[in-house]
Protein backbone atom coordinates (compact mmCIF):
# COMPACT_ATOMS: atom_id res chain seq x y z
CA UNK A 1 0.09 -0.11 -0.10
CA UNK A 2 0.96 3.46 -0.97
CA UNK A 3 1.97 6.18 1.80
CA UNK A 4 0.66 9.65 1.40
CA UNK A 5 3.24 12.05 1.03
CA UNK A 6 2.71 15.59 2.38
CA UNK A 7 4.21 17.84 -0.57
CA UNK A 8 3.53 21.19 1.87
CA UNK A 9 7.19 23.29 1.75
CA UNK A 10 9.11 21.29 -0.53
CA UNK A 11 11.13 21.52 -3.71
CA UNK A 12 11.90 19.84 -6.64
CA UNK A 13 14.68 21.15 -9.36
CA UNK A 14 15.54 19.12 -12.34
CA UNK A 15 18.25 19.99 -15.21
CA UNK A 16 16.41 21.76 -18.12
CA UNK A 17 16.60 20.51 -21.80
CA UNK A 18 17.52 24.11 -23.58
CA UNK A 19 17.10 23.00 -26.82
CA UNK A 20 17.73 25.27 -29.46
CA UNK A 21 17.17 27.97 -27.30
CA UNK A 22 19.91 29.57 -25.38
CA UNK A 23 17.72 31.62 -23.66
CA UNK A 24 16.15 29.05 -21.92
CA UNK A 25 16.59 28.15 -18.07
CA UNK A 26 19.51 25.94 -17.16
CA UNK A 27 17.35 24.30 -14.04
CA UNK A 28 13.63 24.24 -13.73
CA UNK A 29 11.18 23.08 -11.16
CA UNK A 30 8.48 23.42 -8.79
CA UNK A 31 8.33 24.98 -4.90
CA UNK A 32 5.17 24.43 -2.70
CA UNK A 33 5.17 27.04 -0.04
CA UNK A 34 2.54 26.91 2.50
CA UNK A 35 0.09 24.42 0.24
CA UNK A 36 0.68 26.88 -2.78
CA UNK A 37 3.04 25.62 -5.65
CA UNK A 38 5.06 28.02 -7.70
CA UNK A 39 7.16 26.79 -10.34
CA UNK A 40 11.02 28.01 -10.91
CA UNK A 41 13.20 29.08 -13.27
CA UNK A 42 16.90 28.88 -12.44
CA UNK A 43 19.85 30.13 -14.99
CA UNK A 44 23.84 29.14 -14.00
CA UNK A 45 25.35 32.84 -14.13
CA UNK A 46 29.25 34.37 -13.81
CA UNK A 47 29.72 36.97 -11.47
CA UNK A 48 31.07 39.82 -13.70
CA UNK A 49 32.06 42.11 -10.40
CA UNK A 50 33.72 41.01 -6.78
CA UNK A 51 31.10 41.67 -4.02
CA UNK A 52 31.44 40.71 -0.52
CA UNK A 53 30.51 36.99 -1.30
CA UNK A 54 31.62 36.20 -5.07
CA UNK A 55 34.87 37.09 -7.35
CA UNK A 56 34.62 38.02 -10.84
CA UNK A 57 34.64 34.65 -12.64
CA UNK A 58 32.31 32.85 -9.66
CA UNK A 59 29.33 30.96 -10.88
CA UNK A 60 26.19 31.18 -9.14
CA UNK A 61 22.74 30.65 -9.63
CA UNK A 62 20.06 33.55 -10.63
CA UNK A 63 16.05 32.61 -10.84
CA UNK A 64 12.39 33.61 -11.24
CA UNK A 65 9.66 32.52 -9.37
CA UNK A 66 5.77 32.37 -11.05
CA UNK A 67 2.57 31.01 -9.29
CA UNK A 68 1.86 28.07 -11.11
CA UNK A 69 -0.99 28.35 -13.33
CA UNK A 70 -4.35 26.85 -12.64
CA UNK A 71 -6.32 24.64 -14.86
CA UNK A 72 -8.40 26.92 -16.97
CA UNK A 73 -12.12 26.39 -16.53
CA UNK A 74 -13.80 25.29 -19.97
CA UNK A 75 -17.04 26.92 -20.26
CA UNK A 76 -19.94 24.52 -19.92
CA UNK A 77 -22.00 23.42 -22.91
CA UNK A 78 -25.77 24.81 -22.17
CA UNK A 79 -28.41 22.57 -21.93
CA UNK A 80 -32.01 22.64 -22.81
CA UNK A 81 -33.12 23.67 -19.32
CA UNK A 82 -30.98 26.92 -20.05
CA UNK A 83 -32.44 27.53 -23.39
CA UNK A 84 -35.64 27.35 -22.58
CA UNK A 85 -35.83 31.34 -21.25
CA UNK A 86 -34.47 32.24 -24.72
CA UNK A 87 -37.38 30.48 -26.85
CA UNK A 88 -39.59 33.71 -27.64
CA UNK A 89 -42.56 30.95 -28.02
């Protein structure tokens, strides 16, 4: 019997397939924060300036977080009962 797993406050990251588009993220994934899901995109960057924590040439990850889109509801087909009021006779 499969055990239920609580995905709350978890993260999953995977290496992305960039295909022929070099602008696509190097890594992607999903974050669940307090029950809300977010998509994440991460790029490998190289430091161009010295900072407190990085030297020129050091590699680091930068990224974006976006709310995961909910599936769009399809409009429901009208039934005969819905159409009764539209019939003029």
